[in-house]
């Protein structure tokens, strides 16, 4: 049998574990959401990162695919006026 102290610890861990899992999901999901959005794709594709093999394949697709974003024109360097 499990002693009461161990049972209380297990109960507390089972109550806190879902919170840690949700925090981990958010930590992973937010950067991928922003990357997919900045690449010009649907940010909902970031949910595929949680499917083990599909997530790895999509990461390679994202890395080697040409992004649909138009680069921003470079402004000329600022030259301060002479006095």
PDB file of N, CA and C in Angstrom:
ATOM      1  N   UNK A   1       0.830  -1.195   0.000  1.00  0.00           N
ATOM      2  CA  UNK A   1       0.000   0.000   0.000  1.00  0.00           C
ATOM      3  C   UNK A   1       0.867   1.248   0.000  1.00  0.00           C
ATOM      4  N   UNK A   2       0.270   2.322  -0.481  1.00  0.00           N
ATOM      5  CA  UNK A   2       0.960   3.608  -0.519  1.00  0.00           C
ATOM      6  C   UNK A   2       0.640   4.355   0.764  1.00  0.00           C
ATOM      7  N   UNK A   3       1.666   4.893   1.397  1.00  0.00           N
ATOM      8  CA  UNK A   3       1.437   5.641   2.633  1.00  0.00           C
ATOM      9  C   UNK A   3       0.722   6.967   2.314  1.00  0.00           C
ATOM     10  N   UNK A   4       0.054   7.568   3.281  1.00  0.00           N
ATOM     11  CA  UNK A   4      -0.738   8.783   3.046  1.00  0.00           C
ATOM     12  C   UNK A   4       0.095   9.962   2.544  1.00  0.00           C
ATOM     13  N   UNK A   5       1.341  10.075   3.010  1.00  0.00           N
ATOM     14  CA  UNK A   5       2.184  11.191   2.574  1.00  0.00           C
ATOM     15  C   UNK A   5       2.451  11.115   1.066  1.00  0.00           C
ATOM     16  N   UNK A   6       2.772   9.912   0.588  1.00  0.00           N
ATOM     17  CA  UNK A   6       3.010   9.720  -0.840  1.00  0.00           C
ATOM     18  C   UNK A   6       1.740   9.960  -1.639  1.00  0.00           C
ATOM     19  N   UNK A   7       0.604   9.548  -1.107  1.00  0.00           N
ATOM     20  CA  UNK A   7      -0.671   9.749  -1.789  1.00  0.00           C
ATOM     21  C   UNK A   7      -0.991  11.239  -1.921  1.00  0.00           C
ATOM     22  N   UNK A   8      -0.691  12.028  -0.899  1.00  0.00           N
ATOM     23  CA  UNK A   8      -0.917  13.472  -0.966  1.00  0.00           C
ATOM     24  C   UNK A   8       0.003  14.120  -2.011  1.00  0.00           C
ATOM     25  N   UNK A   9       1.248  13.639  -2.074  1.00  0.00           N
ATOM     26  CA  UNK A   9       2.176  14.180  -3.076  1.00  0.00           C
ATOM     27  C   UNK A   9       1.705  13.862  -4.488  1.00  0.00           C
ATOM     28  N   UNK A  10       1.246  12.647  -4.712  1.00  0.00           N
ATOM     29  CA  UNK A  10       0.753  12.272  -6.030  1.00  0.00           C
ATOM     30  C   UNK A  10      -0.485  13.077  -6.416  1.00  0.00           C
ATOM     31  N   UNK A  11      -1.364  13.311  -5.466  1.00  0.00           N
ATOM     32  CA  UNK A  11      -2.561  14.101  -5.728  1.00  0.00           C
ATOM     33  C   UNK A  11      -2.197  15.543  -6.081  1.00  0.00           C
ATOM     34  N   UNK A  12      -1.238  16.102  -5.379  1.00  0.00           N
ATOM     35  CA  UNK A  12      -0.807  17.472  -5.667  1.00  0.00           C
ATOM     36  C   UNK A  12      -0.139  17.546  -7.036  1.00  0.00           C
ATOM     37  N   UNK A  13       0.663  16.551  -7.376  1.00  0.00           N
ATOM     38  CA  UNK A  13       1.311  16.550  -8.685  1.00  0.00           C
ATOM     39  C   UNK A  13       0.288  16.418  -9.806  1.00  0.00           C
ATOM     40  N   UNK A  14      -0.738  15.619  -9.598  1.00  0.00           N
ATOM     41  CA  UNK A  14      -1.771  15.453 -10.614  1.00  0.00           C
ATOM     42  C   UNK A  14      -2.592  16.722 -10.786  1.00  0.00           C
ATOM     43  N   UNK A  15      -2.658  17.556  -9.771  1.00  0.00           N
ATOM     44  CA  UNK A  15      -3.379  18.817  -9.883  1.00  0.00           C
ATOM     45  C   UNK A  15      -2.534  19.878 -10.575  1.00  0.00           C
ATOM     46  N   UNK A  16      -1.228  19.853 -10.386  1.00  0.00           N
ATOM     47  CA  UNK A  16      -0.348  20.882 -10.935  1.00  0.00           C
ATOM     48  C   UNK A  16       0.146  20.523 -12.343  1.00  0.00           C
ATOM     49  N   UNK A  17       0.254  19.255 -12.662  1.00  0.00           N
ATOM     50  CA  UNK A  17       0.801  18.816 -13.943  1.00  0.00           C
ATOM     51  C   UNK A  17       0.063  19.397 -15.157  1.00  0.00           C
ATOM     52  N   UNK A  18      -1.270  19.441 -15.199  1.00  0.00           N
ATOM     53  CA  UNK A  18      -1.943  20.046 -16.358  1.00  0.00           C
ATOM     54  C   UNK A  18      -1.587  21.519 -16.568  1.00  0.00           C
ATOM     55  N   UNK A  19      -1.319  22.231 -15.498  1.00  0.00           N
ATOM     56  CA  UNK A  19      -0.932  23.640 -15.625  1.00  0.00           C
ATOM     57  C   UNK A  19       0.433  23.726 -16.306  1.00  0.00           C
ATOM     58  N   UNK A  20       1.380  22.879 -15.908  1.00  0.00           N
ATOM     59  CA  UNK A  20       2.698  22.867 -16.536  1.00  0.00           C
ATOM     60  C   UNK A  20       2.612  22.447 -18.004  1.00  0.00           C
ATOM     61  N   UNK A  21       1.734  21.513 -18.312  1.00  0.00           N
ATOM     62  CA  UNK A  21       1.555  21.079 -19.698  1.00  0.00           C
ATOM     63  C   UNK A  21       1.013  22.227 -20.537  1.00  0.00           C
ATOM     64  N   UNK A  22       0.030  22.963 -20.040  1.00  0.00           N
ATOM     65  CA  UNK A  22      -0.514  24.105 -20.775  1.00  0.00           C
ATOM     66  C   UNK A  22       0.526  25.199 -20.979  1.00  0.00           C
ATOM     67  N   UNK A  23       1.334  25.454 -19.973  1.00  0.00           N
ATOM     68  CA  UNK A  23       2.400  26.453 -20.106  1.00  0.00           C
ATOM     69  C   UNK A  23       3.403  25.999 -21.181  1.00  0.00           C
ATOM     70  N   UNK A  24       3.753  24.727 -21.188  1.00  0.00           N
ATOM     71  CA  UNK A  24       4.665  24.205 -22.204  1.00  0.00           C
ATOM     72  C   UNK A  24       4.084  24.310 -23.607  1.00  0.00           C
ATOM     73  N   UNK A  25       2.793  24.028 -23.758  1.00  0.00           N
ATOM     74  CA  UNK A  25       2.143  24.149 -25.067  1.00  0.00           C
ATOM     75  C   UNK A  25       2.181  25.587 -25.550  1.00  0.00           C
ATOM     76  N   UNK A  26       1.906  26.530 -24.676  1.00  0.00           N
ATOM     77  CA  UNK A  26       1.923  27.940 -25.064  1.00  0.00           C
ATOM     78  C   UNK A  26       3.339  28.376 -25.447  1.00  0.00           C
ATOM     79  N   UNK A  27       4.338  27.919 -24.691  1.00  0.00           N
ATOM     80  CA  UNK A  27       5.725  28.279 -24.986  1.00  0.00           C
ATOM     81  C   UNK A  27       6.141  27.764 -26.358  1.00  0.00           C
ATOM     82  N   UNK A  28       5.653  26.611 -26.765  1.00  0.00           N
ATOM     83  CA  UNK A  28       5.984  26.057 -28.067  1.00  0.00           C
ATOM     84  C   UNK A  28       5.123  26.672 -29.168  1.00  0.00           C
ATOM     85  N   UNK A  29       3.844  26.880 -28.903  1.00  0.00           N
ATOM     86  CA  UNK A  29       2.899  27.298 -29.932  1.00  0.00           C
ATOM     87  C   UNK A  29       3.096  28.742 -30.381  1.00  0.00           C
ATOM     88  N   UNK A  30       3.347  29.657 -29.481  1.00  0.00           N
ATOM     89  CA  UNK A  30       3.425  31.081 -29.828  1.00  0.00           C
ATOM     90  C   UNK A  30       4.540  31.380 -30.830  1.00  0.00           C
ATOM     91  N   UNK A  31       5.776  30.905 -30.645  1.00  0.00           N
ATOM     92  CA  UNK A  31       6.797  31.207 -31.665  1.00  0.00           C
ATOM     93  C   UNK A  31       6.474  30.623 -33.036  1.00  0.00           C
ATOM     94  N   UNK A  32       5.985  29.382 -33.075  1.00  0.00           N
ATOM     95  CA  UNK A  32       5.631  28.795 -34.359  1.00  0.00           C
ATOM     96  C   UNK A  32       4.478  29.561 -35.009  1.00  0.00           C
ATOM     97  N   UNK A  33       3.526  30.025 -34.215  1.00  0.00           N
ATOM     98  CA  UNK A  33       2.398  30.819 -34.721  1.00  0.00           C
ATOM     99  C   UNK A  33       2.928  32.066 -35.426  1.00  0.00           C
ATOM    100  N   UNK A  34       3.868  32.767 -34.776  1.00  0.00           N
ATOM    101  CA  UNK A  34       4.422  33.993 -35.347  1.00  0.00           C
ATOM    102  C   UNK A  34       5.265  33.700 -36.589  1.00  0.00           C
ATOM    103  N   UNK A  35       6.028  32.613 -36.574  1.00  0.00           N
ATOM    104  CA  UNK A  35       6.865  32.259 -37.724  1.00  0.00           C
ATOM    105  C   UNK A  35       5.999  31.951 -38.939  1.00  0.00           C
ATOM    106  N   UNK A  36       4.953  31.139 -38.754  1.00  0.00           N
ATOM    107  CA  UNK A  36       4.083  30.806 -39.882  1.00  0.00           C
ATOM    108  C   UNK A  36       3.385  32.056 -40.411  1.00  0.00           C
ATOM    109  N   UNK A  37       2.974  32.936 -39.524  1.00  0.00           N
ATOM    110  CA  UNK A  37       2.291  34.164 -39.940  1.00  0.00           C
ATOM    111  C   UNK A  37       3.248  35.079 -40.705  1.00  0.00           C
ATOM    112  N   UNK A  38       4.473  35.236 -40.212  1.00  0.00           N
ATOM    113  CA  UNK A  38       5.447  36.095 -40.892  1.00  0.00           C
ATOM    114  C   UNK A  38       5.901  35.501 -42.216  1.00  0.00           C
ATOM    115  N   UNK A  39       5.821  34.186 -42.353  1.00  0.00           N
ATOM    116  CA  UNK A  39       6.203  33.538 -43.606  1.00  0.00           C
ATOM    117  C   UNK A  39       5.111  33.666 -44.653  1.00  0.00           C
ATOM    118  N   UNK A  40       3.946  34.157 -44.263  1.00  0.00           N
ATOM    119  CA  UNK A  40       2.859  34.341 -45.211  1.00  0.00           C
ATOM    120  C   UNK A  40       1.915  33.163 -45.298  1.00  0.00           C
ATOM    121  N   UNK A  41       2.013  32.230 -44.380  1.00  0.00           N
ATOM    122  CA  UNK A  41       1.147  31.061 -44.355  1.00  0.00           C
ATOM    123  C   UNK A  41       0.126  31.207 -43.231  1.00  0.00           C
ATOM    124  N   UNK A  42      -0.829  30.291 -43.203  1.00  0.00           N
ATOM    125  CA  UNK A  42      -1.819  30.306 -42.135  1.00  0.00           C
ATOM    126  C   UNK A  42      -1.145  29.969 -40.808  1.00  0.00           C
ATOM    127  N   UNK A  43      -1.353  30.805 -39.791  1.00  0.00           N
ATOM    128  CA  UNK A  43      -0.729  30.501 -38.499  1.00  0.00           C
ATOM    129  C   UNK A  43      -1.280  29.236 -37.845  1.00  0.00           C
ATOM    130  N   UNK A  44      -2.423  28.748 -38.327  1.00  0.00           N
ATOM    131  CA  UNK A  44      -2.987  27.518 -37.768  1.00  0.00           C
ATOM    132  C   UNK A  44      -2.115  26.310 -38.074  1.00  0.00           C
ATOM    133  N   UNK A  45      -1.182  26.455 -39.025  1.00  0.00           N
ATOM    134  CA  UNK A  45      -0.252  25.360 -39.311  1.00  0.00           C
ATOM    135  C   UNK A  45       0.667  25.081 -38.120  1.00  0.00           C
ATOM    136  N   UNK A  46       0.762  26.027 -37.208  1.00  0.00           N
ATOM    137  CA  UNK A  46       1.604  25.816 -36.027  1.00  0.00           C
ATOM    138  C   UNK A  46       1.079  24.676 -35.158  1.00  0.00           C
ATOM    139  N   UNK A  47      -0.194  24.355 -35.270  1.00  0.00           N
ATOM    140  CA  UNK A  47      -0.744  23.228 -34.494  1.00  0.00           C
ATOM    141  C   UNK A  47      -0.180  21.892 -34.969  1.00  0.00           C
ATOM    142  N   UNK A  48       0.303  21.850 -36.217  1.00  0.00           N
ATOM    143  CA  UNK A  48       0.884  20.607 -36.723  1.00  0.00           C
ATOM    144  C   UNK A  48       2.205  20.271 -36.046  1.00  0.00           C
ATOM    145  N   UNK A  49       2.807  21.222 -35.354  1.00  0.00           N
ATOM    146  CA  UNK A  49       4.078  20.969 -34.684  1.00  0.00           C
ATOM    147  C   UNK A  49       3.932  19.983 -33.531  1.00  0.00           C
ATOM    148  N   UNK A  50       2.711  19.733 -33.083  1.00  0.00           N
ATOM    149  CA  UNK A  50       2.492  18.789 -31.989  1.00  0.00           C
ATOM    150  C   UNK A  50       2.326  17.354 -32.476  1.00  0.00           C
ATOM    151  N   UNK A  51       2.161  17.164 -33.803  1.00  0.00           N
ATOM    152  CA  UNK A  51       2.103  15.816 -34.365  1.00  0.00           C
ATOM    153  C   UNK A  51       3.545  15.410 -34.659  1.00  0.00           C
ATOM    154  N   UNK A  52       4.043  14.354 -34.044  1.00  0.00           N
ATOM    155  CA  UNK A  52       5.479  14.069 -34.061  1.00  0.00           C
ATOM    156  C   UNK A  52       6.156  14.112 -35.434  1.00  0.00           C
ATOM    157  N   UNK A  53       5.816  13.260 -36.364  1.00  0.00           N
ATOM    158  CA  UNK A  53       6.518  13.237 -37.646  1.00  0.00           C
ATOM    159  C   UNK A  53       6.103  14.387 -38.553  1.00  0.00           C
ATOM    160  N   UNK A  54       4.844  14.772 -38.488  1.00  0.00           N
ATOM    161  CA  UNK A  54       4.361  15.875 -39.318  1.00  0.00           C
ATOM    162  C   UNK A  54       5.035  17.178 -38.901  1.00  0.00           C
ATOM    163  N   UNK A  55       5.260  17.367 -37.622  1.00  0.00           N
ATOM    164  CA  UNK A  55       5.917  18.578 -37.141  1.00  0.00           C
ATOM    165  C   UNK A  55       7.330  18.726 -37.678  1.00  0.00           C
ATOM    166  N   UNK A  56       8.071  17.625 -37.728  1.00  0.00           N
ATOM    167  CA  UNK A  56       9.440  17.674 -38.251  1.00  0.00           C
ATOM    168  C   UNK A  56       9.422  17.964 -39.743  1.00  0.00           C
ATOM    169  N   UNK A  57       8.522  17.308 -40.486  1.00  0.00           N
ATOM    170  CA  UNK A  57       8.428  17.537 -41.931  1.00  0.00           C
ATOM    171  C   UNK A  57       8.040  18.985 -42.207  1.00  0.00           C
ATOM    172  N   UNK A  58       7.064  19.516 -41.476  1.00  0.00           N
ATOM    173  CA  UNK A  58       6.622  20.901 -41.691  1.00  0.00           C
ATOM    174  C   UNK A  58       7.725  21.894 -41.337  1.00  0.00           C
ATOM    175  N   UNK A  59       8.551  21.567 -40.366  1.00  0.00           N
ATOM    176  CA  UNK A  59       9.661  22.437 -40.012  1.00  0.00           C
ATOM    177  C   UNK A  59      10.669  22.517 -41.169  1.00  0.00           C
ATOM    178  N   UNK A  60      10.930  21.386 -41.826  1.00  0.00           N
ATOM    179  CA  UNK A  60      11.809  21.395 -42.985  1.00  0.00           C
ATOM    180  C   UNK A  60      11.170  22.106 -44.174  1.00  0.00           C
ATOM    181  N   UNK A  61       9.863  21.921 -44.354  1.00  0.00           N
ATOM    182  CA  UNK A  61       9.157  22.643 -45.420  1.00  0.00           C
ATOM    183  C   UNK A  61       9.277  24.137 -45.181  1.00  0.00           C
ATOM    184  N   UNK A  62       9.083  24.560 -43.969  1.00  0.00           N
ATOM    185  CA  UNK A  62       9.165  25.980 -43.631  1.00  0.00           C
ATOM    186  C   UNK A  62      10.587  26.512 -43.825  1.00  0.00           C
ATOM    187  N   UNK A  63      11.571  25.708 -43.506  1.00  0.00           N
ATOM    188  CA  UNK A  63      12.959  26.166 -43.602  1.00  0.00           C
ATOM    189  C   UNK A  63      13.424  26.324 -45.041  1.00  0.00           C
ATOM    190  N   UNK A  64      12.989  25.430 -45.932  1.00  0.00           N
ATOM    191  CA  UNK A  64      13.523  25.432 -47.286  1.00  0.00           C
ATOM    192  C   UNK A  64      12.561  25.974 -48.337  1.00  0.00           C
ATOM    193  N   UNK A  65      11.344  26.328 -47.962  1.00  0.00           N
ATOM    194  CA  UNK A  65      10.387  26.882 -48.912  1.00  0.00           C
ATOM    195  C   UNK A  65      10.617  28.379 -49.068  1.00  0.00           C
ATOM    196  N   UNK A  66      10.317  28.897 -50.243  1.00  0.00           N
ATOM    197  CA  UNK A  66      10.432  30.335 -50.452  1.00  0.00           C
ATOM    198  C   UNK A  66       9.234  31.013 -49.794  1.00  0.00           C
ATOM    199  N   UNK A  67       9.505  31.962 -48.936  1.00  0.00           N
ATOM    200  CA  UNK A  67       8.441  32.623 -48.200  1.00  0.00           C
ATOM    201  C   UNK A  67       7.713  33.604 -49.106  1.00  0.00           C
ATOM    202  N   UNK A  68       6.433  33.827 -48.821  1.00  0.00           N
ATOM    203  CA  UNK A  68       5.598  34.698 -49.635  1.00  0.00           C
ATOM    204  C   UNK A  68       5.677  36.156 -49.208  1.00  0.00           C
ATOM    205  N   UNK A  69       6.611  36.490 -48.387  1.00  0.00           N
ATOM    206  CA  UNK A  69       6.722  37.842 -47.843  1.00  0.00           C
ATOM    207  C   UNK A  69       7.623  38.677 -48.746  1.00  0.00           C
ATOM    208  N   UNK A  70       7.188  39.916 -49.015  1.00  0.00           N
ATOM    209  CA  UNK A  70       7.993  40.826 -49.819  1.00  0.00           C
ATOM    210  C   UNK A  70       8.974  41.522 -48.883  1.00  0.00           C
ATOM    211  N   UNK A  71      10.270  41.536 -49.224  1.00  0.00           N
ATOM    212  CA  UNK A  71      11.233  42.197 -48.336  1.00  0.00           C
ATOM    213  C   UNK A  71      10.999  43.704 -48.281  1.00  0.00           C
ATOM    214  N   UNK A  72      11.277  44.267 -47.147  1.00  0.00           N
ATOM    215  CA  UNK A  72      11.118  45.702 -46.945  1.00  0.00           C
ATOM    216  C   UNK A  72      12.285  46.419 -47.619  1.00  0.00           C
ATOM    217  N   UNK A  73      11.975  47.528 -48.306  1.00  0.00           N
ATOM    218  CA  UNK A  73      13.024  48.291 -48.977  1.00  0.00           C
ATOM    219  C   UNK A  73      13.952  48.901 -47.933  1.00  0.00           C
ATOM    220  N   UNK A  74      15.219  48.859 -48.217  1.00  0.00           N
ATOM    221  CA  UNK A  74      16.210  49.408 -47.294  1.00  0.00           C
ATOM    222  C   UNK A  74      16.247  50.925 -47.434  1.00  0.00           C
ATOM    223  N   UNK A  75      16.195  51.610 -46.332  1.00  0.00           N
ATOM    224  CA  UNK A  75      16.299  53.066 -46.337  1.00  0.00           C
ATOM    225  C   UNK A  75      17.769  53.446 -46.452  1.00  0.00           C
ATOM    226  N   UNK A  76      18.054  54.569 -47.119  1.00  0.00           N
ATOM    227  CA  UNK A  76      19.454  54.986 -47.188  1.00  0.00           C
ATOM    228  C   UNK A  76      19.974  55.324 -45.798  1.00  0.00           C
ATOM    229  N   UNK A  77      21.255  55.165 -45.565  1.00  0.00           N
ATOM    230  CA  UNK A  77      21.797  55.449 -44.232  1.00  0.00           C
ATOM    231  C   UNK A  77      21.654  56.930 -43.896  1.00  0.00           C
ATOM    232  N   UNK A  78      21.424  57.201 -42.645  1.00  0.00           N
ATOM    233  CA  UNK A  78      21.236  58.584 -42.187  1.00  0.00           C
ATOM    234  C   UNK A  78      22.595  59.272 -42.100  1.00  0.00           C
ATOM    235  N   UNK A  79      22.679  60.401 -42.776  1.00  0.00           N
ATOM    236  CA  UNK A  79      23.893  61.221 -42.719  1.00  0.00           C
ATOM    237  C   UNK A  79      23.526  62.518 -42.004  1.00  0.00           C
ATOM    238  N   UNK A  80      24.116  62.766 -40.858  1.00  0.00           N
ATOM    239  CA  UNK A  80      23.753  63.976 -40.111  1.00  0.00           C
ATOM    240  C   UNK A  80      24.198  65.240 -40.862  1.00  0.00           C
ATOM    241  N   UNK A  81      23.422  66.315 -40.758  1.00  0.00           N
ATOM    242  CA  UNK A  81      23.796  67.544 -41.449  1.00  0.00           C
ATOM    243  C   UNK A  81      25.063  68.148 -40.844  1.00  0.00           C
ATOM    244  N   UNK A  82      25.843  68.781 -41.701  1.00  0.00           N
ATOM    245  CA  UNK A  82      27.070  69.435 -41.222  1.00  0.00           C
ATOM    246  C   UNK A  82      26.754  70.851 -40.804  1.00  0.00           C
ATOM    247  N   UNK A  83      27.358  71.280 -39.763  1.00  0.00           N
ATOM    248  CA  UNK A  83      27.106  72.634 -39.229  1.00  0.00           C
ATOM    249  C   UNK A  83      28.137  73.617 -39.712  1.00  0.00           C
TER     250      UNK A  83
END
